[in-house]
């Protein structure tokens, strides 16, 4: 069955009512700007099925342009139902599952969409991802999360947290197998150097974020701040 755009629009409108702190970014995406991040809820259509699943997502705003920023999430966290299972919500029977799905999403999303987010809460959101098997087995996923922690601290200019996260990066990177890391980021030493260079050029880092916030679609989103 082909799901019509009208059905998809109605479903996204329902989700928008459930998360009024978010703005529509695309047909299946509700986002907001939170300091150096774009975060929100995405509705994923399941392959070879007429069902969907909600996910909590978080993207970086320090990439080279708006398109690159929303190309690959730092966090992609599936929402579980009250039985601890993945949601499989039929598009044509969405209303029967919607209330439970919104309730579970609110409980499982680690940050607020309705107010500013503290450095501590963002760190907790990032750290929670390290418990997933995919992250435990992937130097690339670990690097993305640790980079995000470093840049979270850099954004609020918390020097103690910057130092601590860089130490965490160097400690963790000693266990990364080169063949599982280099296909994505290149040589580890060069990646570590580029990370340090970004930290040393906070002004340029902030300018890039502000430039991306002015992008056509991102500038239309609601926003809140990341605070120390």
C-alpha atoms as a PDB file:
ATOM      1  CA  UNK A   1       0.000   0.000   0.000  1.00  0.00           C
ATOM      2  CA  UNK A   2       1.263   3.473  -0.860  1.00  0.00           C
ATOM      3  CA  UNK A   3       0.892   5.887   2.034  1.00  0.00           C
ATOM      4  CA  UNK A   4      -0.457   9.187   0.763  1.00  0.00           C
ATOM      5  CA  UNK A   5       1.192  12.477   1.558  1.00  0.00           C
ATOM      6  CA  UNK A   6      -2.076  13.595   3.178  1.00  0.00           C
ATOM      7  CA  UNK A   7      -1.893  10.740   5.702  1.00  0.00           C
ATOM      8  CA  UNK A   8       1.753  11.480   6.423  1.00  0.00           C
ATOM      9  CA  UNK A   9       0.946  15.160   6.911  1.00  0.00           C
ATOM     10  CA  UNK A  10      -1.893  14.382   9.325  1.00  0.00           C
ATOM     11  CA  UNK A  11       0.370  12.113  11.355  1.00  0.00           C
ATOM     12  CA  UNK A  12       3.122  14.709  11.534  1.00  0.00           C
ATOM     13  CA  UNK A  13       0.545  17.309  12.594  1.00  0.00           C
ATOM     14  CA  UNK A  14      -0.508  15.046  15.452  1.00  0.00           C
ATOM     15  CA  UNK A  15       3.102  14.647  16.558  1.00  0.00           C
ATOM     16  CA  UNK A  16       3.568  18.391  16.288  1.00  0.00           C
ATOM     17  CA  UNK A  17       0.663  18.913  18.692  1.00  0.00           C
ATOM     18  CA  UNK A  18       2.320  16.490  21.099  1.00  0.00           C
ATOM     19  CA  UNK A  19       5.646  18.357  20.929  1.00  0.00           C
ATOM     20  CA  UNK A  20       4.821  22.020  20.545  1.00  0.00           C
ATOM     21  CA  UNK A  21       8.417  23.014  21.242  1.00  0.00           C
ATOM     22  CA  UNK A  22       9.378  21.547  17.861  1.00  0.00           C
ATOM     23  CA  UNK A  23       8.939  22.903  14.331  1.00  0.00           C
ATOM     24  CA  UNK A  24       8.304  21.067  11.082  1.00  0.00           C
ATOM     25  CA  UNK A  25      11.535  20.612   9.133  1.00  0.00           C
ATOM     26  CA  UNK A  26      10.361  18.022   6.598  1.00  0.00           C
ATOM     27  CA  UNK A  27       7.467  15.657   5.969  1.00  0.00           C
ATOM     28  CA  UNK A  28       8.639  13.265   8.680  1.00  0.00           C
ATOM     29  CA  UNK A  29      10.849  15.524  10.822  1.00  0.00           C
ATOM     30  CA  UNK A  30      10.180  17.817  13.771  1.00  0.00           C
ATOM     31  CA  UNK A  31      13.235  19.743  14.984  1.00  0.00           C
ATOM     32  CA  UNK A  32      14.406  22.654  17.059  1.00  0.00           C
ATOM     33  CA  UNK A  33      17.748  24.383  17.526  1.00  0.00           C
ATOM     34  CA  UNK A  34      19.360  23.817  20.922  1.00  0.00           C
ATOM     35  CA  UNK A  35      22.617  25.756  21.077  1.00  0.00           C
ATOM     36  CA  UNK A  36      25.069  23.937  18.763  1.00  0.00           C
ATOM     37  CA  UNK A  37      22.583  21.174  17.915  1.00  0.00           C
ATOM     38  CA  UNK A  38      19.426  20.495  15.965  1.00  0.00           C
ATOM     39  CA  UNK A  39      17.342  17.947  17.860  1.00  0.00           C
ATOM     40  CA  UNK A  40      13.868  16.516  17.654  1.00  0.00           C
ATOM     41  CA  UNK A  41      11.678  13.612  16.571  1.00  0.00           C
ATOM     42  CA  UNK A  42      11.726  11.773  13.256  1.00  0.00           C
ATOM     43  CA  UNK A  43       9.090   9.415  11.898  1.00  0.00           C
ATOM     44  CA  UNK A  44      10.749   6.517  10.055  1.00  0.00           C
ATOM     45  CA  UNK A  45       8.713   4.438   7.613  1.00  0.00           C
ATOM     46  CA  UNK A  46       9.652   0.791   7.954  1.00  0.00           C
ATOM     47  CA  UNK A  47      10.924  -0.884   4.774  1.00  0.00           C
ATOM     48  CA  UNK A  48       8.492  -3.232   3.058  1.00  0.00           C
ATOM     49  CA  UNK A  49       5.761  -2.299   5.551  1.00  0.00           C
ATOM     50  CA  UNK A  50       3.082   0.333   6.022  1.00  0.00           C
ATOM     51  CA  UNK A  51       4.207   1.088   9.570  1.00  0.00           C
ATOM     52  CA  UNK A  52       6.406   3.742  11.148  1.00  0.00           C
ATOM     53  CA  UNK A  53       8.603   4.222  14.226  1.00  0.00           C
ATOM     54  CA  UNK A  54       9.457   7.412  16.125  1.00  0.00           C
ATOM     55  CA  UNK A  55      13.084   8.241  16.928  1.00  0.00           C
ATOM     56  CA  UNK A  56      14.817  10.888  19.000  1.00  0.00           C
ATOM     57  CA  UNK A  57      17.535  12.518  16.893  1.00  0.00           C
ATOM     58  CA  UNK A  58      20.309  15.026  17.454  1.00  0.00           C
ATOM     59  CA  UNK A  59      22.443  16.630  14.738  1.00  0.00           C
ATOM     60  CA  UNK A  60      25.549  18.881  14.917  1.00  0.00           C
ATOM     61  CA  UNK A  61      25.509  22.498  13.793  1.00  0.00           C
ATOM     62  CA  UNK A  62      29.285  22.858  13.420  1.00  0.00           C
ATOM     63  CA  UNK A  63      29.605  21.196  10.013  1.00  0.00           C
ATOM     64  CA  UNK A  64      30.553  23.135   6.888  1.00  0.00           C
ATOM     65  CA  UNK A  65      26.986  23.857   5.709  1.00  0.00           C
ATOM     66  CA  UNK A  66      23.324  23.280   6.555  1.00  0.00           C
ATOM     67  CA  UNK A  67      22.975  20.198   4.350  1.00  0.00           C
ATOM     68  CA  UNK A  68      25.977  18.519   5.930  1.00  0.00           C
ATOM     69  CA  UNK A  69      24.715  19.331   9.421  1.00  0.00           C
ATOM     70  CA  UNK A  70      21.517  17.311   8.999  1.00  0.00           C
ATOM     71  CA  UNK A  71      23.053  14.566   6.875  1.00  0.00           C
ATOM     72  CA  UNK A  72      24.126  12.279   9.716  1.00  0.00           C
ATOM     73  CA  UNK A  73      22.824  12.304  13.306  1.00  0.00           C
ATOM     74  CA  UNK A  74      25.019  12.148  16.367  1.00  0.00           C
ATOM     75  CA  UNK A  75      22.164  10.471  18.233  1.00  0.00           C
ATOM     76  CA  UNK A  76      19.544   8.212  16.677  1.00  0.00           C
ATOM     77  CA  UNK A  77      17.579   6.691  19.548  1.00  0.00           C
ATOM     78  CA  UNK A  78      14.584   4.480  18.936  1.00  0.00           C
ATOM     79  CA  UNK A  79      11.580   4.896  21.197  1.00  0.00           C
ATOM     80  CA  UNK A  80      10.271   1.748  22.905  1.00  0.00           C
ATOM     81  CA  UNK A  81       6.652   1.051  23.824  1.00  0.00           C
ATOM     82  CA  UNK A  82       5.446   0.332  27.360  1.00  0.00           C
ATOM     83  CA  UNK A  83       6.452  -3.316  26.988  1.00  0.00           C
ATOM     84  CA  UNK A  84      10.005  -2.325  26.067  1.00  0.00           C
ATOM     85  CA  UNK A  85       9.581  -3.297  22.414  1.00  0.00           C
ATOM     86  CA  UNK A  86      10.038  -1.327  19.211  1.00  0.00           C
ATOM     87  CA  UNK A  87       7.003   0.531  17.946  1.00  0.00           C
ATOM     88  CA  UNK A  88       5.438  -0.698  14.692  1.00  0.00           C
ATOM     89  CA  UNK A  89       2.657   1.837  14.188  1.00  0.00           C
ATOM     90  CA  UNK A  90       0.396   1.293  11.167  1.00  0.00           C
ATOM     91  CA  UNK A  91      -0.102   4.511   9.211  1.00  0.00           C
ATOM     92  CA  UNK A  92      -3.787   3.688   8.727  1.00  0.00           C
ATOM     93  CA  UNK A  93      -4.305   2.907  12.435  1.00  0.00           C
ATOM     94  CA  UNK A  94      -2.045   5.610  13.827  1.00  0.00           C
ATOM     95  CA  UNK A  95      -4.639   6.972  16.263  1.00  0.00           C
ATOM     96  CA  UNK A  96      -4.751   3.698  18.223  1.00  0.00           C
ATOM     97  CA  UNK A  97      -1.058   3.948  19.137  1.00  0.00           C
ATOM     98  CA  UNK A  98      -0.390   7.678  19.059  1.00  0.00           C
ATOM     99  CA  UNK A  99      -1.037   8.560  22.718  1.00  0.00           C
ATOM    100  CA  UNK A 100       1.179   5.750  24.010  1.00  0.00           C
ATOM    101  CA  UNK A 101       3.882   6.643  21.487  1.00  0.00           C
ATOM    102  CA  UNK A 102       3.922  10.314  22.522  1.00  0.00           C
ATOM    103  CA  UNK A 103       3.923   9.403  26.215  1.00  0.00           C
ATOM    104  CA  UNK A 104       6.820   6.978  25.768  1.00  0.00           C
ATOM    105  CA  UNK A 105       8.729   9.490  23.649  1.00  0.00           C
ATOM    106  CA  UNK A 106       8.402  12.181  26.309  1.00  0.00           C
ATOM    107  CA  UNK A 107       9.685   9.814  28.976  1.00  0.00           C
ATOM    108  CA  UNK A 108      12.604   8.482  26.938  1.00  0.00           C
ATOM    109  CA  UNK A 109      13.932  11.687  25.370  1.00  0.00           C
ATOM    110  CA  UNK A 110      16.817  12.753  27.632  1.00  0.00           C
ATOM    111  CA  UNK A 111      16.531  16.529  27.078  1.00  0.00           C
ATOM    112  CA  UNK A 112      13.730  19.098  27.117  1.00  0.00           C
ATOM    113  CA  UNK A 113      12.203  20.573  23.971  1.00  0.00           C
ATOM    114  CA  UNK A 114      10.432  23.287  25.968  1.00  0.00           C
ATOM    115  CA  UNK A 115      13.261  25.155  27.684  1.00  0.00           C
ATOM    116  CA  UNK A 116      17.009  25.709  27.656  1.00  0.00           C
ATOM    117  CA  UNK A 117      19.175  22.609  28.117  1.00  0.00           C
ATOM    118  CA  UNK A 118      22.057  22.511  30.573  1.00  0.00           C
ATOM    119  CA  UNK A 119      25.524  21.216  29.783  1.00  0.00           C
ATOM    120  CA  UNK A 120      24.960  18.499  32.392  1.00  0.00           C
ATOM    121  CA  UNK A 121      21.754  17.280  30.724  1.00  0.00           C
ATOM    122  CA  UNK A 122      23.314  17.274  27.260  1.00  0.00           C
ATOM    123  CA  UNK A 123      26.277  15.310  28.587  1.00  0.00           C
ATOM    124  CA  UNK A 124      23.836  12.805  30.110  1.00  0.00           C
ATOM    125  CA  UNK A 125      22.026  12.499  26.768  1.00  0.00           C
ATOM    126  CA  UNK A 126      25.293  11.809  24.959  1.00  0.00           C
ATOM    127  CA  UNK A 127      26.685   9.475  27.620  1.00  0.00           C
ATOM    128  CA  UNK A 128      23.487   7.404  27.595  1.00  0.00           C
ATOM    129  CA  UNK A 129      24.250   6.372  24.005  1.00  0.00           C
ATOM    130  CA  UNK A 130      27.403   4.498  25.046  1.00  0.00           C
ATOM    131  CA  UNK A 131      25.249   1.706  26.518  1.00  0.00           C
ATOM    132  CA  UNK A 132      24.024   0.629  23.070  1.00  0.00           C
ATOM    133  CA  UNK A 133      25.727  -2.393  21.519  1.00  0.00           C
ATOM    134  CA  UNK A 134      26.191  -0.584  18.193  1.00  0.00           C
ATOM    135  CA  UNK A 135      28.158   2.155  19.926  1.00  0.00           C
ATOM    136  CA  UNK A 136      30.197  -0.219  22.081  1.00  0.00           C
ATOM    137  CA  UNK A 137      31.432  -2.020  18.961  1.00  0.00           C
ATOM    138  CA  UNK A 138      32.001   1.038  16.768  1.00  0.00           C
ATOM    139  CA  UNK A 139      34.959   3.429  17.094  1.00  0.00           C
ATOM    140  CA  UNK A 140      33.204   5.707  14.596  1.00  0.00           C
ATOM    141  CA  UNK A 141      30.102   6.024  16.761  1.00  0.00           C
ATOM    142  CA  UNK A 142      32.220   6.545  19.867  1.00  0.00           C
ATOM    143  CA  UNK A 143      34.264   9.231  18.101  1.00  0.00           C
ATOM    144  CA  UNK A 144      31.115  11.078  16.992  1.00  0.00           C
ATOM    145  CA  UNK A 145      29.752  11.097  20.534  1.00  0.00           C
ATOM    146  CA  UNK A 146      33.021  12.138  22.141  1.00  0.00           C
ATOM    147  CA  UNK A 147      33.486  14.891  19.589  1.00  0.00           C
ATOM    148  CA  UNK A 148      29.972  16.090  20.413  1.00  0.00           C
ATOM    149  CA  UNK A 149      30.785  16.116  24.140  1.00  0.00           C
ATOM    150  CA  UNK A 150      33.908  18.143  23.483  1.00  0.00           C
ATOM    151  CA  UNK A 151      32.065  20.665  21.338  1.00  0.00           C
ATOM    152  CA  UNK A 152      29.202  20.884  23.828  1.00  0.00           C
ATOM    153  CA  UNK A 153      31.691  21.996  26.467  1.00  0.00           C
ATOM    154  CA  UNK A 154      33.418  24.281  23.957  1.00  0.00           C
ATOM    155  CA  UNK A 155      30.153  25.991  23.059  1.00  0.00           C
ATOM    156  CA  UNK A 156      29.500  27.059  26.665  1.00  0.00           C
ATOM    157  CA  UNK A 157      33.236  27.674  27.203  1.00  0.00           C
ATOM    158  CA  UNK A 158      33.508  25.355  30.211  1.00  0.00           C
ATOM    159  CA  UNK A 159      37.284  24.907  30.276  1.00  0.00           C
ATOM    160  CA  UNK A 160      37.251  22.194  32.942  1.00  0.00           C
ATOM    161  CA  UNK A 161      34.779  20.096  30.929  1.00  0.00           C
ATOM    162  CA  UNK A 162      36.719  20.689  27.706  1.00  0.00           C
ATOM    163  CA  UNK A 163      39.876  19.370  29.340  1.00  0.00           C
ATOM    164  CA  UNK A 164      38.049  16.396  30.825  1.00  0.00           C
ATOM    165  CA  UNK A 165      36.377  15.398  27.562  1.00  0.00           C
ATOM    166  CA  UNK A 166      39.618  15.681  25.598  1.00  0.00           C
ATOM    167  CA  UNK A 167      41.220  13.363  28.135  1.00  0.00           C
ATOM    168  CA  UNK A 168      38.299  10.985  27.620  1.00  0.00           C
ATOM    169  CA  UNK A 169      38.807  11.133  23.860  1.00  0.00           C
ATOM    170  CA  UNK A 170      42.510  10.254  24.127  1.00  0.00           C
ATOM    171  CA  UNK A 171      41.842   7.498  26.643  1.00  0.00           C
ATOM    172  CA  UNK A 172      39.087   5.874  24.588  1.00  0.00           C
ATOM    173  CA  UNK A 173      40.904   6.237  21.260  1.00  0.00           C
ATOM    174  CA  UNK A 174      43.682   3.940  22.471  1.00  0.00           C
ATOM    175  CA  UNK A 175      41.229   1.045  22.121  1.00  0.00           C
ATOM    176  CA  UNK A 176      40.002   1.868  18.607  1.00  0.00           C
ATOM    177  CA  UNK A 177      41.038  -0.531  15.860  1.00  0.00           C
ATOM    178  CA  UNK A 178      42.444   1.508  12.936  1.00  0.00           C
ATOM    179  CA  UNK A 179      40.506  -0.369  10.250  1.00  0.00           C
ATOM    180  CA  UNK A 180      37.222   0.337  12.055  1.00  0.00           C
ATOM    181  CA  UNK A 181      38.024   4.028  12.476  1.00  0.00           C
ATOM    182  CA  UNK A 182      40.004   5.201   9.455  1.00  0.00           C
ATOM    183  CA  UNK A 183      37.392   4.361   6.792  1.00  0.00           C
ATOM    184  CA  UNK A 184      35.319   7.245   8.188  1.00  0.00           C
ATOM    185  CA  UNK A 185      37.731   9.735   9.763  1.00  0.00           C
ATOM    186  CA  UNK A 186      41.156   8.931   8.332  1.00  0.00           C
ATOM    187  CA  UNK A 187      44.289   8.633  10.446  1.00  0.00           C
ATOM    188  CA  UNK A 188      43.603   8.842  14.161  1.00  0.00           C
ATOM    189  CA  UNK A 189      46.450  11.279  14.858  1.00  0.00           C
ATOM    190  CA  UNK A 190      45.133  13.659  12.207  1.00  0.00           C
ATOM    191  CA  UNK A 191      41.601  13.442  13.568  1.00  0.00           C
ATOM    192  CA  UNK A 192      42.813  14.146  17.095  1.00  0.00           C
ATOM    193  CA  UNK A 193      44.798  17.108  15.817  1.00  0.00           C
ATOM    194  CA  UNK A 194      41.784  18.528  13.978  1.00  0.00           C
ATOM    195  CA  UNK A 195      39.724  18.180  17.144  1.00  0.00           C
ATOM    196  CA  UNK A 196      42.319  20.103  19.130  1.00  0.00           C
ATOM    197  CA  UNK A 197      42.537  22.781  16.428  1.00  0.00           C
ATOM    198  CA  UNK A 198      38.783  23.308  16.620  1.00  0.00           C
ATOM    199  CA  UNK A 199      39.009  23.664  20.394  1.00  0.00           C
ATOM    200  CA  UNK A 200      41.816  26.196  19.975  1.00  0.00           C
ATOM    201  CA  UNK A 201      39.730  28.257  17.563  1.00  0.00           C
ATOM    202  CA  UNK A 202      36.505  28.695  19.503  1.00  0.00           C
ATOM    203  CA  UNK A 203      35.673  31.904  17.675  1.00  0.00           C
ATOM    204  CA  UNK A 204      35.720  30.156  14.314  1.00  0.00           C
ATOM    205  CA  UNK A 205      33.721  27.263  15.760  1.00  0.00           C
ATOM    206  CA  UNK A 206      31.000  29.626  16.987  1.00  0.00           C
ATOM    207  CA  UNK A 207      30.945  31.541  13.703  1.00  0.00           C
ATOM    208  CA  UNK A 208      30.322  28.333  11.768  1.00  0.00           C
ATOM    209  CA  UNK A 209      27.440  27.416  14.058  1.00  0.00           C
ATOM    210  CA  UNK A 210      25.887  30.862  13.685  1.00  0.00           C
ATOM    211  CA  UNK A 211      26.265  30.680   9.906  1.00  0.00           C
ATOM    212  CA  UNK A 212      24.423  27.347   9.829  1.00  0.00           C
ATOM    213  CA  UNK A 213      21.681  28.729  12.075  1.00  0.00           C
ATOM    214  CA  UNK A 214      20.997  31.271   9.331  1.00  0.00           C
ATOM    215  CA  UNK A 215      20.358  28.509   6.796  1.00  0.00           C
ATOM    216  CA  UNK A 216      17.001  28.697   5.016  1.00  0.00           C
ATOM    217  CA  UNK A 217      15.323  25.805   6.847  1.00  0.00           C
ATOM    218  CA  UNK A 218      17.205  25.872  10.145  1.00  0.00           C
ATOM    219  CA  UNK A 219      16.505  29.589  10.643  1.00  0.00           C
ATOM    220  CA  UNK A 220      12.766  28.816  10.583  1.00  0.00           C
ATOM    221  CA  UNK A 221      12.995  26.443  13.563  1.00  0.00           C
ATOM    222  CA  UNK A 222      12.143  27.286  17.142  1.00  0.00           C
ATOM    223  CA  UNK A 223      15.200  27.523  19.340  1.00  0.00           C
ATOM    224  CA  UNK A 224      16.519  27.375  22.871  1.00  0.00           C
ATOM    225  CA  UNK A 225      19.997  27.594  24.323  1.00  0.00           C
ATOM    226  CA  UNK A 226      22.600  25.303  25.771  1.00  0.00           C
ATOM    227  CA  UNK A 227      23.702  26.641  29.133  1.00  0.00           C
ATOM    228  CA  UNK A 228      26.680  25.991  31.395  1.00  0.00           C
END
